[in-house]
């Protein structure tokens, strides 16, 4: 069915939960402290590009590289695991190749268009019409852009205490997502 509002809403909610851009505010604020400027437009466009390419060619790309979806998800879960450890323990594991930006890595990938998002897109494609998934991706990228553009304001609104609490709480949630993604997909490899 072409442009079904119910499908668009369902896919938007699934992607919103998986991307969890609100839960990533502490990570983004932390990255801003480390590397300075984050190019919101660049991060959003790259994440959009990655998601659309993966929606249409994800299985083919992974097969071409000799990687199955489960291995991809396990690798993504490890990256998410280390990001969560940074948030919970206050460690500094992320080293930027370019000290002036963190727009592409780790914002566009793996925070926004990470293994969970890409795996979800392949699963959603089996259930929903492509055009509805595309609209849901665009809605989520607009939300991602809004949050990236306003993280400094959101940081001021929350204050250091609020950010600290969010960082720890969402670090635990992110850790749980990483563990679930790892356990679910590691079983399929053996």
C-alpha atoms as a PDB file:
ATOM      1  CA  UNK A   1       0.000   0.000   0.000  1.00  0.00           C
ATOM      2  CA  UNK A   2       1.352   3.409  -1.010  1.00  0.00           C
ATOM      3  CA  UNK A   3       1.979   5.937   1.838  1.00  0.00           C
ATOM      4  CA  UNK A   4       0.055   4.252   4.610  1.00  0.00           C
ATOM      5  CA  UNK A   5      -0.066   6.546   7.675  1.00  0.00           C
ATOM      6  CA  UNK A   6      -0.270   3.610  10.111  1.00  0.00           C
ATOM      7  CA  UNK A   7       2.801   1.960   8.580  1.00  0.00           C
ATOM      8  CA  UNK A   8       4.710   5.256   8.563  1.00  0.00           C
ATOM      9  CA  UNK A   9       3.857   5.824  12.234  1.00  0.00           C
ATOM     10  CA  UNK A  10       4.839   2.260  13.193  1.00  0.00           C
ATOM     11  CA  UNK A  11       8.173   2.363  11.368  1.00  0.00           C
ATOM     12  CA  UNK A  12       8.903   5.881  12.671  1.00  0.00           C
ATOM     13  CA  UNK A  13       8.365   4.714  16.253  1.00  0.00           C
ATOM     14  CA  UNK A  14      10.525   1.613  15.789  1.00  0.00           C
ATOM     15  CA  UNK A  15      13.381   3.633  14.273  1.00  0.00           C
ATOM     16  CA  UNK A  16      13.010   6.374  16.896  1.00  0.00           C
ATOM     17  CA  UNK A  17      13.366   3.778  19.669  1.00  0.00           C
ATOM     18  CA  UNK A  18      16.355   2.087  18.011  1.00  0.00           C
ATOM     19  CA  UNK A  19      18.177   5.315  17.098  1.00  0.00           C
ATOM     20  CA  UNK A  20      17.365   6.749  20.550  1.00  0.00           C
ATOM     21  CA  UNK A  21      18.672  10.210  19.704  1.00  0.00           C
ATOM     22  CA  UNK A  22      17.290  11.647  22.960  1.00  0.00           C
ATOM     23  CA  UNK A  23      19.211   9.019  24.896  1.00  0.00           C
ATOM     24  CA  UNK A  24      22.306   9.962  22.933  1.00  0.00           C
ATOM     25  CA  UNK A  25      22.278  13.587  24.136  1.00  0.00           C
ATOM     26  CA  UNK A  26      24.859  12.839  26.858  1.00  0.00           C
ATOM     27  CA  UNK A  27      27.150  11.140  24.306  1.00  0.00           C
ATOM     28  CA  UNK A  28      26.790  14.060  21.901  1.00  0.00           C
ATOM     29  CA  UNK A  29      27.499  16.598  24.648  1.00  0.00           C
ATOM     30  CA  UNK A  30      30.526  14.592  25.710  1.00  0.00           C
ATOM     31  CA  UNK A  31      31.796  14.460  22.128  1.00  0.00           C
ATOM     32  CA  UNK A  32      31.278  18.218  21.791  1.00  0.00           C
ATOM     33  CA  UNK A  33      33.467  18.714  24.873  1.00  0.00           C
ATOM     34  CA  UNK A  34      36.198  16.482  23.409  1.00  0.00           C
ATOM     35  CA  UNK A  35      36.265  17.546  19.780  1.00  0.00           C
ATOM     36  CA  UNK A  36      34.459  20.873  19.670  1.00  0.00           C
ATOM     37  CA  UNK A  37      32.129  21.445  16.756  1.00  0.00           C
ATOM     38  CA  UNK A  38      29.768  18.760  15.457  1.00  0.00           C
ATOM     39  CA  UNK A  39      28.427  19.443  11.984  1.00  0.00           C
ATOM     40  CA  UNK A  40      24.725  18.644  12.420  1.00  0.00           C
ATOM     41  CA  UNK A  41      23.921  18.876   8.718  1.00  0.00           C
ATOM     42  CA  UNK A  42      26.820  16.634   7.684  1.00  0.00           C
ATOM     43  CA  UNK A  43      26.054  14.024  10.355  1.00  0.00           C
ATOM     44  CA  UNK A  44      22.352  13.978   9.419  1.00  0.00           C
ATOM     45  CA  UNK A  45      22.986  13.722   5.665  1.00  0.00           C
ATOM     46  CA  UNK A  46      25.587  10.960   6.068  1.00  0.00           C
ATOM     47  CA  UNK A  47      23.279   9.004   8.417  1.00  0.00           C
ATOM     48  CA  UNK A  48      20.406   9.430   5.928  1.00  0.00           C
ATOM     49  CA  UNK A  49      22.630   8.229   3.077  1.00  0.00           C
ATOM     50  CA  UNK A  50      23.846   5.196   5.060  1.00  0.00           C
ATOM     51  CA  UNK A  51      20.296   4.248   6.054  1.00  0.00           C
ATOM     52  CA  UNK A  52      18.879   4.538   2.534  1.00  0.00           C
ATOM     53  CA  UNK A  53      21.762   2.647   0.930  1.00  0.00           C
ATOM     54  CA  UNK A  54      21.482  -0.077   3.572  1.00  0.00           C
ATOM     55  CA  UNK A  55      17.695  -0.279   3.132  1.00  0.00           C
ATOM     56  CA  UNK A  56      18.107  -1.075  -0.555  1.00  0.00           C
ATOM     57  CA  UNK A  57      21.450  -2.865  -0.661  1.00  0.00           C
ATOM     58  CA  UNK A  58      22.219  -3.987   2.919  1.00  0.00           C
ATOM     59  CA  UNK A  59      22.053  -7.726   2.407  1.00  0.00           C
ATOM     60  CA  UNK A  60      23.966  -7.473  -0.879  1.00  0.00           C
ATOM     61  CA  UNK A  61      26.702  -5.278   0.625  1.00  0.00           C
ATOM     62  CA  UNK A  62      27.201  -7.630   3.559  1.00  0.00           C
ATOM     63  CA  UNK A  63      27.243 -10.693   1.278  1.00  0.00           C
ATOM     64  CA  UNK A  64      29.749  -8.975  -1.042  1.00  0.00           C
ATOM     65  CA  UNK A  65      32.028  -8.356   1.943  1.00  0.00           C
ATOM     66  CA  UNK A  66      31.525 -11.915   3.154  1.00  0.00           C
ATOM     67  CA  UNK A  67      29.813 -10.714   6.326  1.00  0.00           C
ATOM     68  CA  UNK A  68      26.498 -12.043   7.510  1.00  0.00           C
ATOM     69  CA  UNK A  69      23.929  -9.888   9.280  1.00  0.00           C
ATOM     70  CA  UNK A  70      24.574 -11.561  12.634  1.00  0.00           C
ATOM     71  CA  UNK A  71      28.327 -10.836  12.498  1.00  0.00           C
ATOM     72  CA  UNK A  72      27.559  -7.226  11.577  1.00  0.00           C
ATOM     73  CA  UNK A  73      25.195  -6.908  14.526  1.00  0.00           C
ATOM     74  CA  UNK A  74      27.749  -8.457  16.930  1.00  0.00           C
ATOM     75  CA  UNK A  75      30.416  -5.982  15.749  1.00  0.00           C
ATOM     76  CA  UNK A  76      27.978  -3.098  16.179  1.00  0.00           C
ATOM     77  CA  UNK A  77      27.067  -4.301  19.652  1.00  0.00           C
ATOM     78  CA  UNK A  78      30.736  -4.152  20.677  1.00  0.00           C
ATOM     79  CA  UNK A  79      31.005  -0.521  19.524  1.00  0.00           C
ATOM     80  CA  UNK A  80      27.794   0.327  21.399  1.00  0.00           C
ATOM     81  CA  UNK A  81      29.155  -1.514  24.460  1.00  0.00           C
ATOM     82  CA  UNK A  82      32.255   0.705  24.587  1.00  0.00           C
ATOM     83  CA  UNK A  83      30.199   3.875  24.102  1.00  0.00           C
ATOM     84  CA  UNK A  84      28.032   2.763  27.039  1.00  0.00           C
ATOM     85  CA  UNK A  85      31.106   2.121  29.201  1.00  0.00           C
ATOM     86  CA  UNK A  86      32.287   5.656  28.489  1.00  0.00           C
ATOM     87  CA  UNK A  87      28.953   7.011  29.669  1.00  0.00           C
ATOM     88  CA  UNK A  88      28.659   4.880  32.800  1.00  0.00           C
ATOM     89  CA  UNK A  89      32.251   4.860  34.038  1.00  0.00           C
ATOM     90  CA  UNK A  90      33.385   8.246  32.760  1.00  0.00           C
ATOM     91  CA  UNK A  91      36.130   6.611  30.686  1.00  0.00           C
ATOM     92  CA  UNK A  92      37.527   8.199  27.541  1.00  0.00           C
ATOM     93  CA  UNK A  93      37.867   5.389  25.014  1.00  0.00           C
ATOM     94  CA  UNK A  94      36.880   7.311  21.876  1.00  0.00           C
ATOM     95  CA  UNK A  95      39.870   8.806  20.104  1.00  0.00           C
ATOM     96  CA  UNK A  96      39.032  11.098  17.214  1.00  0.00           C
ATOM     97  CA  UNK A  97      41.149  10.826  14.072  1.00  0.00           C
ATOM     98  CA  UNK A  98      40.285  14.453  13.444  1.00  0.00           C
ATOM     99  CA  UNK A  99      40.325  16.521  16.637  1.00  0.00           C
ATOM    100  CA  UNK A 100      37.977  19.164  15.196  1.00  0.00           C
ATOM    101  CA  UNK A 101      34.892  17.072  14.453  1.00  0.00           C
ATOM    102  CA  UNK A 102      32.969  13.940  15.353  1.00  0.00           C
ATOM    103  CA  UNK A 103      30.236  14.354  12.742  1.00  0.00           C
ATOM    104  CA  UNK A 104      30.659  11.154  10.755  1.00  0.00           C
ATOM    105  CA  UNK A 105      32.205   8.811  13.349  1.00  0.00           C
ATOM    106  CA  UNK A 106      30.704   8.213  15.859  1.00  0.00           C
ATOM    107  CA  UNK A 107      27.627  10.464  15.338  1.00  0.00           C
ATOM    108  CA  UNK A 108      26.359   9.427  11.865  1.00  0.00           C
ATOM    109  CA  UNK A 109      27.778   5.928  12.355  1.00  0.00           C
ATOM    110  CA  UNK A 110      27.329   4.088  14.711  1.00  0.00           C
ATOM    111  CA  UNK A 111      25.155   6.310  16.971  1.00  0.00           C
ATOM    112  CA  UNK A 112      22.447   7.185  14.428  1.00  0.00           C
ATOM    113  CA  UNK A 113      22.943   4.653  11.627  1.00  0.00           C
ATOM    114  CA  UNK A 114      24.488   1.871  13.676  1.00  0.00           C
ATOM    115  CA  UNK A 115      24.116  -1.889  13.641  1.00  0.00           C
ATOM    116  CA  UNK A 116      20.789  -1.778  15.499  1.00  0.00           C
ATOM    117  CA  UNK A 117      19.311   0.741  13.069  1.00  0.00           C
ATOM    118  CA  UNK A 118      20.627  -1.026   9.982  1.00  0.00           C
ATOM    119  CA  UNK A 119      19.529  -4.435  11.217  1.00  0.00           C
ATOM    120  CA  UNK A 120      16.086  -2.989  12.009  1.00  0.00           C
ATOM    121  CA  UNK A 121      15.829  -1.536   8.501  1.00  0.00           C
ATOM    122  CA  UNK A 122      16.408  -4.959   6.957  1.00  0.00           C
ATOM    123  CA  UNK A 123      13.769  -6.466   9.264  1.00  0.00           C
ATOM    124  CA  UNK A 124      11.278  -3.652   8.575  1.00  0.00           C
ATOM    125  CA  UNK A 125      11.742  -4.069   4.830  1.00  0.00           C
ATOM    126  CA  UNK A 126      10.291  -7.563   5.092  1.00  0.00           C
ATOM    127  CA  UNK A 127       7.105  -6.212   6.732  1.00  0.00           C
ATOM    128  CA  UNK A 128       6.460  -2.701   5.381  1.00  0.00           C
ATOM    129  CA  UNK A 129       6.341  -0.881   2.044  1.00  0.00           C
ATOM    130  CA  UNK A 130       9.601   0.796   1.006  1.00  0.00           C
ATOM    131  CA  UNK A 131       8.011   4.240   0.561  1.00  0.00           C
ATOM    132  CA  UNK A 132       6.625   4.149   4.116  1.00  0.00           C
ATOM    133  CA  UNK A 133      10.047   3.174   5.484  1.00  0.00           C
ATOM    134  CA  UNK A 134      11.647   6.027   3.512  1.00  0.00           C
ATOM    135  CA  UNK A 135       9.199   8.562   4.996  1.00  0.00           C
ATOM    136  CA  UNK A 136       9.908   7.191   8.488  1.00  0.00           C
ATOM    137  CA  UNK A 137      13.669   7.503   7.867  1.00  0.00           C
ATOM    138  CA  UNK A 138      13.218  11.133   6.788  1.00  0.00           C
ATOM    139  CA  UNK A 139      11.136  11.917   9.902  1.00  0.00           C
ATOM    140  CA  UNK A 140      13.778  10.374  12.150  1.00  0.00           C
ATOM    141  CA  UNK A 141      16.623  12.193  10.407  1.00  0.00           C
ATOM    142  CA  UNK A 142      14.720  15.481  10.898  1.00  0.00           C
ATOM    143  CA  UNK A 143      14.483  14.664  14.628  1.00  0.00           C
ATOM    144  CA  UNK A 144      18.179  13.736  14.721  1.00  0.00           C
ATOM    145  CA  UNK A 145      19.077  17.029  13.042  1.00  0.00           C
ATOM    146  CA  UNK A 146      16.930  18.989  15.513  1.00  0.00           C
ATOM    147  CA  UNK A 147      18.582  17.309  18.513  1.00  0.00           C
ATOM    148  CA  UNK A 148      22.108  17.687  17.084  1.00  0.00           C
ATOM    149  CA  UNK A 149      21.477  21.355  16.322  1.00  0.00           C
ATOM    150  CA  UNK A 150      20.114  22.007  19.825  1.00  0.00           C
ATOM    151  CA  UNK A 151      22.322  19.841  22.070  1.00  0.00           C
ATOM    152  CA  UNK A 152      24.042  22.897  23.558  1.00  0.00           C
ATOM    153  CA  UNK A 153      20.666  24.393  24.530  1.00  0.00           C
ATOM    154  CA  UNK A 154      19.430  21.061  25.793  1.00  0.00           C
ATOM    155  CA  UNK A 155      22.661  20.752  27.794  1.00  0.00           C
ATOM    156  CA  UNK A 156      22.117  24.156  29.401  1.00  0.00           C
ATOM    157  CA  UNK A 157      18.488  23.296  30.132  1.00  0.00           C
ATOM    158  CA  UNK A 158      19.456  20.032  31.828  1.00  0.00           C
ATOM    159  CA  UNK A 159      22.498  21.419  33.633  1.00  0.00           C
ATOM    160  CA  UNK A 160      25.540  19.377  34.711  1.00  0.00           C
ATOM    161  CA  UNK A 161      23.538  17.322  37.218  1.00  0.00           C
ATOM    162  CA  UNK A 162      20.817  16.463  34.730  1.00  0.00           C
ATOM    163  CA  UNK A 163      23.376  15.567  32.086  1.00  0.00           C
ATOM    164  CA  UNK A 164      25.238  13.373  34.570  1.00  0.00           C
ATOM    165  CA  UNK A 165      22.049  11.528  35.475  1.00  0.00           C
ATOM    166  CA  UNK A 166      21.030  11.146  31.813  1.00  0.00           C
ATOM    167  CA  UNK A 167      24.524   9.942  30.913  1.00  0.00           C
ATOM    168  CA  UNK A 168      24.459   7.203  33.568  1.00  0.00           C
ATOM    169  CA  UNK A 169      20.844   6.126  32.965  1.00  0.00           C
ATOM    170  CA  UNK A 170      21.142   6.031  29.182  1.00  0.00           C
ATOM    171  CA  UNK A 171      24.569   4.440  29.496  1.00  0.00           C
ATOM    172  CA  UNK A 172      22.941   1.519  31.316  1.00  0.00           C
ATOM    173  CA  UNK A 173      20.154   1.381  28.694  1.00  0.00           C
ATOM    174  CA  UNK A 174      22.734   1.487  25.890  1.00  0.00           C
ATOM    175  CA  UNK A 175      24.737  -1.236  27.629  1.00  0.00           C
ATOM    176  CA  UNK A 176      21.598  -3.393  27.885  1.00  0.00           C
ATOM    177  CA  UNK A 177      20.876  -2.857  24.168  1.00  0.00           C
ATOM    178  CA  UNK A 178      24.469  -3.816  23.340  1.00  0.00           C
ATOM    179  CA  UNK A 179      24.263  -6.989  25.434  1.00  0.00           C
ATOM    180  CA  UNK A 180      20.895  -7.956  23.931  1.00  0.00           C
ATOM    181  CA  UNK A 181      22.135  -7.328  20.387  1.00  0.00           C
ATOM    182  CA  UNK A 182      25.290  -9.321  21.130  1.00  0.00           C
ATOM    183  CA  UNK A 183      23.548 -12.297  22.781  1.00  0.00           C
ATOM    184  CA  UNK A 184      20.770 -12.519  20.193  1.00  0.00           C
ATOM    185  CA  UNK A 185      23.184 -12.502  17.270  1.00  0.00           C
ATOM    186  CA  UNK A 186      26.071 -14.492  18.758  1.00  0.00           C
ATOM    187  CA  UNK A 187      23.683 -17.473  19.193  1.00  0.00           C
ATOM    188  CA  UNK A 188      22.956 -17.379  15.471  1.00  0.00           C
ATOM    189  CA  UNK A 189      26.673 -17.569  14.638  1.00  0.00           C
ATOM    190  CA  UNK A 190      27.170 -20.895  16.419  1.00  0.00           C
END
